[in-house]
Amino acid sequence: MGHQKTRQNSWLIQNSIMENKDTSRRQFLTAGILAGIAAGCSPKKNPFEGYADDEVKASGETVKLLSVDGEIIEMDKAFLKPVPYIPAISNSDERKGIAGKKFVMVIDLSRCKNVRACQSACDHMHQVHPGQNWIKVLKMQDANNTAPYWEPTTCMHCDEPPCVKVCPVDATFKRQDGIVLIDNNRCIGCRFCMAACPYSTRVFNWEAPLTEEKDLLNKQQNSCETSLPQKKGTVGKCDFCPDMTRKGELPHCVSACPNGVFFFGDENEDSVTNGAETFRFTELIKDKAGYRLMEDLGTKPRVYYLPPVNRNFPFESGLENENADDKINHHSK
């Protein structure tokens, strides 16, 4: 009987402890639920309120958002700030380039009329300051008794680029697809690359970039492939428009030229085009006696020229200022 009474007392004590635990747990959960309800019903400062501009007026159109506290709140669209543009690809992918490609350009000097639509399109799309053109159309004459001609000059995107070798911070680099680019986030403005370039195709950004309203979201997200936004105190140059080639489209200078002067393509595919005509790259260079500028320097440029023979137009000056605004507006549509 003594042992049975002891076991009964032990059971009663244990049962009492379990009941106390259940009661404490129920009390804790009840208190938590009530606290949550009270928190949800209590007025809280809008977590987005600090981002609103004093001059912004409510639009009346609201959207539902998840707050930092995990609550669903409603906000007027006028008080929301847009998220900065995030590039579709990473900086490391931009520096690698497009796998399997080897881009090349051919410029037919017999077709150039000095319209400079290429220059206008390039300046407009890359927000280049006036007078700091990435594409320069130069008057050339081989000898006193020969006729002058127009020569568009871009970055040569050399296979042995002197600019890359002298850059102390790896801001200018060569991609596997043959394109030489500049990372303005790394550039310190030492201009060693400008001194090393034998083609004088680089320019220094002495002033703040010409940022348009549509590119305001890009201010803090520089892209090597678009070369936007440019930064004051850094170097800029022709970039072969790799953002366009990644989409399967031609560079802006190629598509803007009305006379088909520029041909662009992939050397691995042995094909170049100006949008209207397509040629085998090797045959075009061979048949038209293509050449590269300053080949004796060993830079191995990826821009080839076709000599100015059997010209489509006579040599004329002054056409560069003719309907310049129309050329820009037409290309930007």
C-alpha atoms as a PDB file:
ATOM      1  CA  MET A   1       0.000   0.000   0.000  1.00  0.00           C
ATOM      2  CA  GLY A   2       2.864   2.384   0.799  1.00  0.00           C
ATOM      3  CA  HIS A   3       4.438   1.868  -2.616  1.00  0.00           C
ATOM      4  CA  GLN A   4       1.056   2.354  -4.364  1.00  0.00           C
ATOM      5  CA  LYS A   5       0.429   5.623  -2.513  1.00  0.00           C
ATOM      6  CA  THR A   6       3.903   6.867  -3.398  1.00  0.00           C
ATOM      7  CA  ARG A   7       3.333   6.125  -7.103  1.00  0.00           C
ATOM      8  CA  GLN A   8      -0.056   7.879  -6.948  1.00  0.00           C
ATOM      9  CA  ASN A   9       1.488  10.996  -5.397  1.00  0.00           C
ATOM     10  CA  SER A  10       4.263  10.975  -8.016  1.00  0.00           C
ATOM     11  CA  TRP A  11       1.683  10.770 -10.805  1.00  0.00           C
ATOM     12  CA  LEU A  12      -0.293  13.676  -9.319  1.00  0.00           C
ATOM     13  CA  ILE A  13       2.827  15.841  -9.079  1.00  0.00           C
ATOM     14  CA  GLN A  14       3.867  15.048 -12.673  1.00  0.00           C
ATOM     15  CA  ASN A  15       0.364  15.730 -13.995  1.00  0.00           C
ATOM     16  CA  SER A  16       0.327  19.064 -12.177  1.00  0.00           C
ATOM     17  CA  ILE A  17       3.641  20.046 -13.730  1.00  0.00           C
ATOM     18  CA  MET A  18       2.370  19.184 -17.237  1.00  0.00           C
ATOM     19  CA  GLU A  19      -0.795  21.183 -16.658  1.00  0.00           C
ATOM     20  CA  ASN A  20       1.287  24.144 -15.513  1.00  0.00           C
ATOM     21  CA  LYS A  21       3.434  23.859 -18.658  1.00  0.00           C
ATOM     22  CA  ASP A  22       0.381  23.736 -20.922  1.00  0.00           C
ATOM     23  CA  THR A  23      -1.115  26.700 -19.103  1.00  0.00           C
ATOM     24  CA  SER A  24       2.137  28.682 -19.444  1.00  0.00           C
ATOM     25  CA  ARG A  25       2.353  27.797 -23.135  1.00  0.00           C
ATOM     26  CA  ARG A  26      -1.255  28.840 -23.757  1.00  0.00           C
ATOM     27  CA  GLN A  27      -0.666  32.062 -21.879  1.00  0.00           C
ATOM     28  CA  PHE A  28       2.489  32.751 -23.934  1.00  0.00           C
ATOM     29  CA  LEU A  29       0.768  32.103 -27.256  1.00  0.00           C
ATOM     30  CA  THR A  30      -2.276  34.147 -26.226  1.00  0.00           C
ATOM     31  CA  ALA A  31      -0.071  37.029 -25.162  1.00  0.00           C
ATOM     32  CA  GLY A  32       1.868  36.825 -28.439  1.00  0.00           C
ATOM     33  CA  ILE A  33      -1.289  36.842 -30.549  1.00  0.00           C
ATOM     34  CA  LEU A  34      -2.718  39.783 -28.623  1.00  0.00           C
ATOM     35  CA  ALA A  35       0.550  41.647 -28.957  1.00  0.00           C
ATOM     36  CA  GLY A  36       0.574  40.979 -32.702  1.00  0.00           C
ATOM     37  CA  ILE A  37      -2.990  42.218 -33.050  1.00  0.00           C
ATOM     38  CA  ALA A  38      -2.176  45.280 -30.990  1.00  0.00           C
ATOM     39  CA  ALA A  39       0.906  45.954 -33.127  1.00  0.00           C
ATOM     40  CA  GLY A  40      -1.126  45.575 -36.298  1.00  0.00           C
ATOM     41  CA  CYS A  41      -3.804  47.940 -35.038  1.00  0.00           C
ATOM     42  CA  SER A  42      -1.449  50.501 -33.525  1.00  0.00           C
ATOM     43  CA  PRO A  43      -0.487  53.433 -35.736  1.00  0.00           C
ATOM     44  CA  LYS A  44       3.037  53.088 -37.149  1.00  0.00           C
ATOM     45  CA  LYS A  45       5.199  55.480 -39.078  1.00  0.00           C
ATOM     46  CA  ASN A  46       5.152  54.609 -42.750  1.00  0.00           C
ATOM     47  CA  PRO A  47       8.565  53.053 -43.492  1.00  0.00           C
ATOM     48  CA  PHE A  48       8.541  54.650 -46.966  1.00  0.00           C
ATOM     49  CA  GLU A  49       7.630  58.099 -45.707  1.00  0.00           C
ATOM     50  CA  GLY A  50      11.234  59.238 -45.392  1.00  0.00           C
ATOM     51  CA  TYR A  51      11.821  58.636 -49.099  1.00  0.00           C
ATOM     52  CA  ALA A  52       9.015  60.902 -50.228  1.00  0.00           C
ATOM     53  CA  ASP A  53       9.850  64.292 -51.639  1.00  0.00           C
ATOM     54  CA  ASP A  54       8.078  67.230 -50.035  1.00  0.00           C
ATOM     55  CA  GLU A  55       7.113  68.536 -53.456  1.00  0.00           C
ATOM     56  CA  VAL A  56       5.586  65.255 -54.642  1.00  0.00           C
ATOM     57  CA  LYS A  57       1.803  65.236 -54.757  1.00  0.00           C
ATOM     58  CA  ALA A  58      -0.307  62.145 -54.266  1.00  0.00           C
ATOM     59  CA  SER A  59      -1.610  60.614 -57.473  1.00  0.00           C
ATOM     60  CA  GLY A  60      -4.525  58.785 -55.870  1.00  0.00           C
ATOM     61  CA  GLU A  61      -3.342  55.474 -57.317  1.00  0.00           C
ATOM     62  CA  THR A  62      -2.171  53.068 -54.638  1.00  0.00           C
ATOM     63  CA  VAL A  63      -0.188  49.849 -54.668  1.00  0.00           C
ATOM     64  CA  LYS A  64       0.186  47.143 -52.022  1.00  0.00           C
ATOM     65  CA  LEU A  65       3.668  46.539 -50.663  1.00  0.00           C
ATOM     66  CA  LEU A  66       5.315  44.384 -48.028  1.00  0.00           C
ATOM     67  CA  SER A  67       6.888  46.615 -45.399  1.00  0.00           C
ATOM     68  CA  VAL A  68      10.177  46.025 -43.612  1.00  0.00           C
ATOM     69  CA  ASP A  69       8.139  44.733 -40.656  1.00  0.00           C
ATOM     70  CA  GLY A  70       6.478  42.081 -42.783  1.00  0.00           C
ATOM     71  CA  GLU A  71       3.149  43.873 -43.004  1.00  0.00           C
ATOM     72  CA  ILE A  72       1.101  44.572 -46.122  1.00  0.00           C
ATOM     73  CA  ILE A  73       0.610  48.293 -46.531  1.00  0.00           C
ATOM     74  CA  GLU A  74      -0.799  50.538 -49.228  1.00  0.00           C
ATOM     75  CA  MET A  75       1.275  53.354 -50.734  1.00  0.00           C
ATOM     76  CA  ASP A  76       0.581  56.054 -53.261  1.00  0.00           C
ATOM     77  CA  LYS A  77       2.632  55.478 -56.406  1.00  0.00           C
ATOM     78  CA  ALA A  78       3.828  59.070 -56.396  1.00  0.00           C
ATOM     79  CA  PHE A  79       5.815  58.475 -53.199  1.00  0.00           C
ATOM     80  CA  LEU A  80       7.766  55.485 -54.481  1.00  0.00           C
ATOM     81  CA  LYS A  81      11.302  55.880 -55.724  1.00  0.00           C
ATOM     82  CA  PRO A  82      12.330  53.784 -58.739  1.00  0.00           C
ATOM     83  CA  VAL A  83      14.905  51.080 -58.191  1.00  0.00           C
ATOM     84  CA  PRO A  84      18.223  51.910 -59.928  1.00  0.00           C
ATOM     85  CA  TYR A  85      18.838  50.050 -63.171  1.00  0.00           C
ATOM     86  CA  ILE A  86      20.642  46.756 -62.658  1.00  0.00           C
ATOM     87  CA  PRO A  87      22.640  45.503 -65.665  1.00  0.00           C
ATOM     88  CA  ALA A  88      21.383  42.269 -67.173  1.00  0.00           C
ATOM     89  CA  ILE A  89      24.859  40.739 -66.970  1.00  0.00           C
ATOM     90  CA  SER A  90      27.597  41.000 -64.387  1.00  0.00           C
ATOM     91  CA  ASN A  91      30.809  42.978 -64.712  1.00  0.00           C
ATOM     92  CA  SER A  92      32.825  39.755 -64.934  1.00  0.00           C
ATOM     93  CA  ASP A  93      30.683  38.575 -67.865  1.00  0.00           C
ATOM     94  CA  GLU A  94      31.098  41.958 -69.554  1.00  0.00           C
ATOM     95  CA  ARG A  95      34.856  41.604 -69.250  1.00  0.00           C
ATOM     96  CA  LYS A  96      34.852  38.065 -70.685  1.00  0.00           C
ATOM     97  CA  GLY A  97      32.868  38.900 -73.802  1.00  0.00           C
ATOM     98  CA  ILE A  98      30.679  36.744 -76.013  1.00  0.00           C
ATOM     99  CA  ALA A  99      31.949  33.182 -76.288  1.00  0.00           C
ATOM    100  CA  GLY A 100      32.841  31.891 -79.738  1.00  0.00           C
ATOM    101  CA  LYS A 101      32.889  35.329 -81.378  1.00  0.00           C
ATOM    102  CA  LYS A 102      35.743  37.332 -82.891  1.00  0.00           C
ATOM    103  CA  PHE A 103      34.357  40.655 -84.053  1.00  0.00           C
ATOM    104  CA  VAL A 104      35.880  42.573 -86.937  1.00  0.00           C
ATOM    105  CA  MET A 105      35.085  45.763 -88.852  1.00  0.00           C
ATOM    106  CA  VAL A 106      35.726  46.733 -92.477  1.00  0.00           C
ATOM    107  CA  ILE A 107      35.515  50.370 -93.651  1.00  0.00           C
ATOM    108  CA  ASP A 108      35.084  50.966 -97.388  1.00  0.00           C
ATOM    109  CA  LEU A 109      36.720  54.321 -98.156  1.00  0.00           C
ATOM    110  CA  SER A 110      35.302  54.387-101.682  1.00  0.00           C
ATOM    111  CA  ARG A 111      31.800  54.853-100.242  1.00  0.00           C
ATOM    112  CA  CYS A 112      32.470  57.598 -97.692  1.00  0.00           C
ATOM    113  CA  LYS A 113      30.919  60.977 -98.530  1.00  0.00           C
ATOM    114  CA  ASN A 114      31.667  62.675 -95.187  1.00  0.00           C
ATOM    115  CA  VAL A 115      28.004  62.743 -94.175  1.00  0.00           C
ATOM    116  CA  ARG A 116      29.142  61.869 -90.641  1.00  0.00           C
ATOM    117  CA  ALA A 117      25.916  60.120 -89.731  1.00  0.00           C
ATOM    118  CA  CYS A 118      28.149  57.513 -88.076  1.00  0.00           C
ATOM    119  CA  GLN A 119      29.695  60.167 -85.871  1.00  0.00           C
ATOM    120  CA  SER A 120      26.365  61.755 -84.969  1.00  0.00           C
ATOM    121  CA  ALA A 121      24.815  58.405 -84.056  1.00  0.00           C
ATOM    122  CA  CYS A 122      27.805  57.395 -81.952  1.00  0.00           C
ATOM    123  CA  ASP A 123      27.894  60.737 -80.122  1.00  0.00           C
ATOM    124  CA  HIS A 124      24.166  60.610 -79.453  1.00  0.00           C
ATOM    125  CA  MET A 125      23.954  57.028 -78.230  1.00  0.00           C
ATOM    126  CA  HIS A 126      27.059  57.303 -76.016  1.00  0.00           C
ATOM    127  CA  GLN A 127      26.357  60.864 -74.832  1.00  0.00           C
ATOM    128  CA  VAL A 128      29.717  62.156 -76.035  1.00  0.00           C
ATOM    129  CA  HIS A 129      30.497  65.838 -75.565  1.00  0.00           C
ATOM    130  CA  PRO A 130      30.690  67.943 -78.740  1.00  0.00           C
ATOM    131  CA  GLY A 131      34.222  67.999 -80.083  1.00  0.00           C
ATOM    132  CA  GLN A 132      35.161  64.730 -78.347  1.00  0.00           C
ATOM    133  CA  ASN A 133      34.002  62.376 -81.054  1.00  0.00           C
ATOM    134  CA  TRP A 134      34.778  58.695 -80.710  1.00  0.00           C
ATOM    135  CA  ILE A 135      34.558  58.410 -84.500  1.00  0.00           C
ATOM    136  CA  LYS A 136      36.599  60.938 -86.425  1.00  0.00           C
ATOM    137  CA  VAL A 137      36.192  61.467 -90.171  1.00  0.00           C
ATOM    138  CA  LEU A 138      39.536  62.778 -91.416  1.00  0.00           C
ATOM    139  CA  LYS A 139      40.527  64.323 -94.726  1.00  0.00           C
ATOM    140  CA  MET A 140      43.377  62.228 -96.111  1.00  0.00           C
ATOM    141  CA  GLN A 141      45.690  62.602 -99.101  1.00  0.00           C
ATOM    142  CA  ASP A 142      48.439  60.120 -99.881  1.00  0.00           C
ATOM    143  CA  ALA A 143      50.501  62.468-102.042  1.00  0.00           C
ATOM    144  CA  ASN A 144      50.410  65.953-103.571  1.00  0.00           C
ATOM    145  CA  ASN A 145      49.320  64.646-106.963  1.00  0.00           C
ATOM    146  CA  THR A 146      46.617  62.286-105.668  1.00  0.00           C
ATOM    147  CA  ALA A 147      43.000  63.081-104.867  1.00  0.00           C
ATOM    148  CA  PRO A 148      41.975  63.478-101.225  1.00  0.00           C
ATOM    149  CA  TYR A 149      39.477  61.147 -99.599  1.00  0.00           C
ATOM    150  CA  TRP A 150      37.579  60.779 -96.324  1.00  0.00           C
ATOM    151  CA  GLU A 151      38.726  58.277 -93.715  1.00  0.00           C
ATOM    152  CA  PRO A 152      36.493  57.366 -90.727  1.00  0.00           C
ATOM    153  CA  THR A 153      38.696  56.417 -87.767  1.00  0.00           C
ATOM    154  CA  THR A 154      37.568  54.373 -84.779  1.00  0.00           C
ATOM    155  CA  CYS A 155      39.290  52.440 -82.041  1.00  0.00           C
ATOM    156  CA  MET A 156      41.160  49.633 -83.794  1.00  0.00           C
ATOM    157  CA  HIS A 157      40.462  47.034 -81.076  1.00  0.00           C
ATOM    158  CA  CYS A 158      43.944  45.645 -81.562  1.00  0.00           C
ATOM    159  CA  ASP A 159      44.806  42.040 -80.834  1.00  0.00           C
ATOM    160  CA  GLU A 160      48.041  43.356 -79.284  1.00  0.00           C
ATOM    161  CA  PRO A 161      46.703  46.575 -77.707  1.00  0.00           C
ATOM    162  CA  PRO A 162      49.369  48.888 -76.254  1.00  0.00           C
ATOM    163  CA  CYS A 163      46.697  50.610 -74.160  1.00  0.00           C
ATOM    164  CA  VAL A 164      45.969  47.437 -72.205  1.00  0.00           C
ATOM    165  CA  LYS A 165      49.635  46.819 -71.466  1.00  0.00           C
ATOM    166  CA  VAL A 166      50.206  50.233 -69.864  1.00  0.00           C
ATOM    167  CA  CYS A 167      47.002  50.522 -67.805  1.00  0.00           C
ATOM    168  CA  PRO A 168      48.053  50.249 -64.127  1.00  0.00           C
ATOM    169  CA  VAL A 169      44.591  49.355 -62.778  1.00  0.00           C
ATOM    170  CA  ASP A 170      43.218  46.972 -65.440  1.00  0.00           C
ATOM    171  CA  ALA A 171      40.598  49.547 -66.419  1.00  0.00           C
ATOM    172  CA  THR A 172      41.136  48.961 -70.128  1.00  0.00           C
ATOM    173  CA  PHE A 173      41.044  45.312 -71.127  1.00  0.00           C
ATOM    174  CA  LYS A 174      40.817  42.930 -74.069  1.00  0.00           C
ATOM    175  CA  ARG A 175      37.881  40.506 -74.268  1.00  0.00           C
ATOM    176  CA  GLN A 176      37.919  37.027 -75.773  1.00  0.00           C
ATOM    177  CA  ASP A 177      35.652  38.243 -78.607  1.00  0.00           C
ATOM    178  CA  GLY A 178      38.265  40.763 -79.770  1.00  0.00           C
ATOM    179  CA  ILE A 179      36.716  43.924 -78.299  1.00  0.00           C
ATOM    180  CA  VAL A 180      38.774  46.325 -76.183  1.00  0.00           C
ATOM    181  CA  LEU A 181      36.714  48.091 -73.512  1.00  0.00           C
ATOM    182  CA  ILE A 182      37.157  50.537 -70.643  1.00  0.00           C
ATOM    183  CA  ASP A 183      35.777  49.982 -67.145  1.00  0.00           C
ATOM    184  CA  ASN A 184      35.104  53.526 -65.937  1.00  0.00           C
ATOM    185  CA  ASN A 185      34.626  52.287 -62.377  1.00  0.00           C
ATOM    186  CA  ARG A 186      38.306  51.320 -62.366  1.00  0.00           C
ATOM    187  CA  CYS A 187      39.733  54.150 -64.487  1.00  0.00           C
ATOM    188  CA  ILE A 188      41.810  56.631 -62.463  1.00  0.00           C
ATOM    189  CA  GLY A 189      42.349  59.101 -65.320  1.00  0.00           C
ATOM    190  CA  CYS A 190      46.119  58.650 -65.583  1.00  0.00           C
ATOM    191  CA  ARG A 191      45.830  58.752 -69.409  1.00  0.00           C
ATOM    192  CA  PHE A 192      48.668  56.268 -69.938  1.00  0.00           C
ATOM    193  CA  CYS A 193      46.413  54.494 -72.437  1.00  0.00           C
ATOM    194  CA  MET A 194      45.958  57.710 -74.431  1.00  0.00           C
ATOM    195  CA  ALA A 195      49.715  58.135 -74.645  1.00  0.00           C
ATOM    196  CA  ALA A 196      50.230  54.519 -75.682  1.00  0.00           C
ATOM    197  CA  CYS A 197      47.556  54.460 -78.416  1.00  0.00           C
ATOM    198  CA  PRO A 198      49.250  55.109 -81.791  1.00  0.00           C
ATOM    199  CA  TYR A 199      45.896  55.874 -83.424  1.00  0.00           C
ATOM    200  CA  SER A 200      44.853  58.707 -81.077  1.00  0.00           C
ATOM    201  CA  THR A 201      41.322  57.346 -80.827  1.00  0.00           C
ATOM    202  CA  ARG A 202      40.805  57.903 -77.099  1.00  0.00           C
ATOM    203  CA  VAL A 203      39.371  61.035 -75.466  1.00  0.00           C
ATOM    204  CA  PHE A 204      39.451  62.301 -71.898  1.00  0.00           C
ATOM    205  CA  ASN A 205      36.226  63.263 -70.140  1.00  0.00           C
ATOM    206  CA  TRP A 206      37.062  66.715 -68.828  1.00  0.00           C
ATOM    207  CA  GLU A 207      33.435  67.439 -68.019  1.00  0.00           C
ATOM    208  CA  ALA A 208      30.468  65.639 -66.521  1.00  0.00           C
ATOM    209  CA  PRO A 209      28.641  63.365 -68.998  1.00  0.00           C
ATOM    210  CA  LEU A 210      25.673  64.525 -71.064  1.00  0.00           C
ATOM    211  CA  THR A 211      23.149  62.406 -69.179  1.00  0.00           C
ATOM    212  CA  GLU A 212      19.676  62.388 -70.637  1.00  0.00           C
ATOM    213  CA  GLU A 213      16.482  62.066 -68.615  1.00  0.00           C
ATOM    214  CA  LYS A 214      15.899  58.497 -69.785  1.00  0.00           C
ATOM    215  CA  ASP A 215      19.299  57.477 -68.388  1.00  0.00           C
ATOM    216  CA  LEU A 216      18.883  58.947 -64.902  1.00  0.00           C
ATOM    217  CA  LEU A 217      18.340  55.461 -63.480  1.00  0.00           C
ATOM    218  CA  ASN A 218      21.749  54.386 -64.812  1.00  0.00           C
ATOM    219  CA  LYS A 219      23.757  56.936 -62.858  1.00  0.00           C
ATOM    220  CA  GLN A 220      25.080  54.477 -60.285  1.00  0.00           C
ATOM    221  CA  GLN A 221      25.200  51.421 -62.511  1.00  0.00           C
ATOM    222  CA  ASN A 222      28.011  51.858 -64.997  1.00  0.00           C
ATOM    223  CA  SER A 223      28.170  49.266 -67.753  1.00  0.00           C
ATOM    224  CA  CYS A 224      31.305  48.436 -69.722  1.00  0.00           C
ATOM    225  CA  GLU A 225      29.209  47.279 -72.663  1.00  0.00           C
ATOM    226  CA  THR A 226      27.152  50.466 -73.019  1.00  0.00           C
ATOM    227  CA  SER A 227      29.943  52.786 -71.817  1.00  0.00           C
ATOM    228  CA  LEU A 228      27.202  54.589 -69.876  1.00  0.00           C
ATOM    229  CA  PRO A 229      27.148  56.593 -67.831  1.00  0.00           C
ATOM    230  CA  GLN A 230      30.542  58.079 -68.552  1.00  0.00           C
ATOM    231  CA  LYS A 231      32.390  59.636 -65.641  1.00  0.00           C
ATOM    232  CA  LYS A 232      34.265  62.888 -65.362  1.00  0.00           C
ATOM    233  CA  GLY A 233      38.006  62.321 -65.132  1.00  0.00           C
ATOM    234  CA  THR A 234      38.002  59.038 -67.075  1.00  0.00           C
ATOM    235  CA  VAL A 235      38.833  57.988 -70.638  1.00  0.00           C
ATOM    236  CA  GLY A 236      36.318  57.097 -73.342  1.00  0.00           C
ATOM    237  CA  LYS A 237      36.547  55.563 -76.807  1.00  0.00           C
ATOM    238  CA  CYS A 238      34.748  53.572 -79.509  1.00  0.00           C
ATOM    239  CA  ASP A 239      33.536  50.316 -77.986  1.00  0.00           C
ATOM    240  CA  PHE A 240      32.106  48.454 -81.030  1.00  0.00           C
ATOM    241  CA  CYS A 241      28.695  48.680 -79.265  1.00  0.00           C
ATOM    242  CA  PRO A 242      28.917  45.261 -77.569  1.00  0.00           C
ATOM    243  CA  ASP A 243      25.485  45.773 -76.003  1.00  0.00           C
ATOM    244  CA  MET A 244      24.057  45.774 -79.537  1.00  0.00           C
ATOM    245  CA  THR A 245      26.079  42.787 -80.728  1.00  0.00           C
ATOM    246  CA  ARG A 246      24.946  40.795 -77.696  1.00  0.00           C
ATOM    247  CA  LYS A 247      21.378  41.323 -78.951  1.00  0.00           C
ATOM    248  CA  GLY A 248      22.359  40.318 -82.478  1.00  0.00           C
ATOM    249  CA  GLU A 249      22.211  43.883 -83.799  1.00  0.00           C
ATOM    250  CA  LEU A 250      24.787  46.034 -85.587  1.00  0.00           C
ATOM    251  CA  PRO A 251      26.777  48.859 -83.955  1.00  0.00           C
ATOM    252  CA  HIS A 252      25.184  52.293 -84.190  1.00  0.00           C
ATOM    253  CA  CYS A 253      27.734  53.619 -86.684  1.00  0.00           C
ATOM    254  CA  VAL A 254      27.036  50.725 -89.067  1.00  0.00           C
ATOM    255  CA  SER A 255      23.261  51.050 -89.013  1.00  0.00           C
ATOM    256  CA  ALA A 256      23.345  54.873 -89.207  1.00  0.00           C
ATOM    257  CA  CYS A 257      25.555  55.209 -92.294  1.00  0.00           C
ATOM    258  CA  PRO A 258      23.340  55.805 -95.360  1.00  0.00           C
ATOM    259  CA  ASN A 259      26.059  54.747 -97.811  1.00  0.00           C
ATOM    260  CA  GLY A 260      27.021  51.381 -96.328  1.00  0.00           C
ATOM    261  CA  VAL A 261      30.592  52.406 -95.498  1.00  0.00           C
ATOM    262  CA  PHE A 262      30.905  50.226 -92.384  1.00  0.00           C
ATOM    263  CA  PHE A 263      30.817  46.427 -92.412  1.00  0.00           C
ATOM    264  CA  PHE A 264      30.736  44.516 -89.140  1.00  0.00           C
ATOM    265  CA  GLY A 265      30.778  40.829 -88.396  1.00  0.00           C
ATOM    266  CA  ASP A 266      32.391  37.750 -86.917  1.00  0.00           C
ATOM    267  CA  GLU A 267      35.748  36.603 -88.205  1.00  0.00           C
ATOM    268  CA  ASN A 268      35.068  33.086 -86.943  1.00  0.00           C
ATOM    269  CA  GLU A 269      32.010  32.944 -89.193  1.00  0.00           C
ATOM    270  CA  ASP A 270      33.951  34.703 -91.975  1.00  0.00           C
ATOM    271  CA  SER A 271      31.053  37.083 -92.517  1.00  0.00           C
ATOM    272  CA  VAL A 272      30.586  40.878 -92.406  1.00  0.00           C
ATOM    273  CA  THR A 273      27.560  43.014 -93.227  1.00  0.00           C
ATOM    274  CA  ASN A 274      26.437  46.626 -93.373  1.00  0.00           C
ATOM    275  CA  GLY A 275      22.801  45.669 -92.929  1.00  0.00           C
ATOM    276  CA  ALA A 276      21.999  45.612 -96.637  1.00  0.00           C
ATOM    277  CA  GLU A 277      24.931  43.623 -98.043  1.00  0.00           C
ATOM    278  CA  THR A 278      26.771  40.634 -96.669  1.00  0.00           C
ATOM    279  CA  PHE A 279      30.209  39.387 -97.727  1.00  0.00           C
ATOM    280  CA  ARG A 280      32.671  36.737 -96.760  1.00  0.00           C
ATOM    281  CA  PHE A 281      35.251  38.634 -94.743  1.00  0.00           C
ATOM    282  CA  THR A 282      38.324  36.906 -96.187  1.00  0.00           C
ATOM    283  CA  GLU A 283      37.136  37.262 -99.781  1.00  0.00           C
ATOM    284  CA  LEU A 284      36.237  40.934 -99.335  1.00  0.00           C
ATOM    285  CA  ILE A 285      39.650  41.769 -97.904  1.00  0.00           C
ATOM    286  CA  LYS A 286      41.437  39.767-100.606  1.00  0.00           C
ATOM    287  CA  ASP A 287      39.436  41.003-103.601  1.00  0.00           C
ATOM    288  CA  LYS A 288      39.430  44.666-102.520  1.00  0.00           C
ATOM    289  CA  ALA A 289      43.047  44.784-101.302  1.00  0.00           C
ATOM    290  CA  GLY A 290      42.106  45.442 -97.705  1.00  0.00           C
ATOM    291  CA  TYR A 291      44.728  46.758 -95.312  1.00  0.00           C
ATOM    292  CA  ARG A 292      45.159  47.872 -91.704  1.00  0.00           C
ATOM    293  CA  LEU A 293      46.617  51.126 -90.407  1.00  0.00           C
ATOM    294  CA  MET A 294      50.214  51.061 -89.128  1.00  0.00           C
ATOM    295  CA  GLU A 295      50.550  47.295 -89.422  1.00  0.00           C
ATOM    296  CA  ASP A 296      54.295  47.644 -88.956  1.00  0.00           C
ATOM    297  CA  LEU A 297      53.704  48.484 -85.265  1.00  0.00           C
ATOM    298  CA  GLY A 298      52.552  44.926 -84.564  1.00  0.00           C
ATOM    299  CA  THR A 299      49.314  45.994 -82.876  1.00  0.00           C
ATOM    300  CA  LYS A 300      47.220  43.750 -85.152  1.00  0.00           C
ATOM    301  CA  PRO A 301      44.122  45.970 -85.509  1.00  0.00           C
ATOM    302  CA  ARG A 302      40.689  44.422 -85.970  1.00  0.00           C
ATOM    303  CA  VAL A 303      39.586  47.272 -88.260  1.00  0.00           C
ATOM    304  CA  TYR A 304      40.358  46.848 -91.965  1.00  0.00           C
ATOM    305  CA  TYR A 305      40.145  49.455 -94.721  1.00  0.00           C
ATOM    306  CA  LEU A 306      39.261  49.080 -98.366  1.00  0.00           C
ATOM    307  CA  PRO A 307      41.136  51.625-100.542  1.00  0.00           C
ATOM    308  CA  PRO A 308      39.304  54.651-102.044  1.00  0.00           C
ATOM    309  CA  VAL A 309      39.193  53.416-105.632  1.00  0.00           C
ATOM    310  CA  ASN A 310      36.179  53.495-107.999  1.00  0.00           C
ATOM    311  CA  ARG A 311      34.511  55.927-105.645  1.00  0.00           C
ATOM    312  CA  ASN A 312      30.782  56.231-105.347  1.00  0.00           C
ATOM    313  CA  PHE A 313      30.985  59.992-104.703  1.00  0.00           C
ATOM    314  CA  PRO A 314      33.333  62.823-105.665  1.00  0.00           C
ATOM    315  CA  PHE A 315      35.330  64.415-102.864  1.00  0.00           C
ATOM    316  CA  GLU A 316      33.355  67.303-101.315  1.00  0.00           C
ATOM    317  CA  SER A 317      33.768  69.334 -98.128  1.00  0.00           C
ATOM    318  CA  GLY A 318      31.155  70.837 -95.842  1.00  0.00           C
ATOM    319  CA  LEU A 319      28.667  67.975 -95.823  1.00  0.00           C
ATOM    320  CA  GLU A 320      29.350  67.237 -92.156  1.00  0.00           C
ATOM    321  CA  ASN A 321      27.134  70.150 -91.053  1.00  0.00           C
ATOM    322  CA  GLU A 322      24.265  69.323 -93.386  1.00  0.00           C
ATOM    323  CA  ASN A 323      21.079  68.178 -91.603  1.00  0.00           C
ATOM    324  CA  ALA A 324      23.008  67.013 -88.548  1.00  0.00           C
ATOM    325  CA  ASP A 325      19.921  67.160 -86.321  1.00  0.00           C
ATOM    326  CA  ASP A 326      17.896  65.135 -88.826  1.00  0.00           C
ATOM    327  CA  LYS A 327      20.559  62.426 -88.829  1.00  0.00           C
ATOM    328  CA  ILE A 328      20.484  62.156 -85.040  1.00  0.00           C
ATOM    329  CA  ASN A 329      16.709  62.161 -84.773  1.00  0.00           C
ATOM    330  CA  HIS A 330      16.359  59.587 -87.536  1.00  0.00           C
ATOM    331  CA  HIS A 331      18.787  57.199 -85.863  1.00  0.00           C
ATOM    332  CA  SER A 332      17.296  57.550 -82.392  1.00  0.00           C
ATOM    333  CA  LYS A 333      13.795  56.507 -83.501  1.00  0.00           C
END
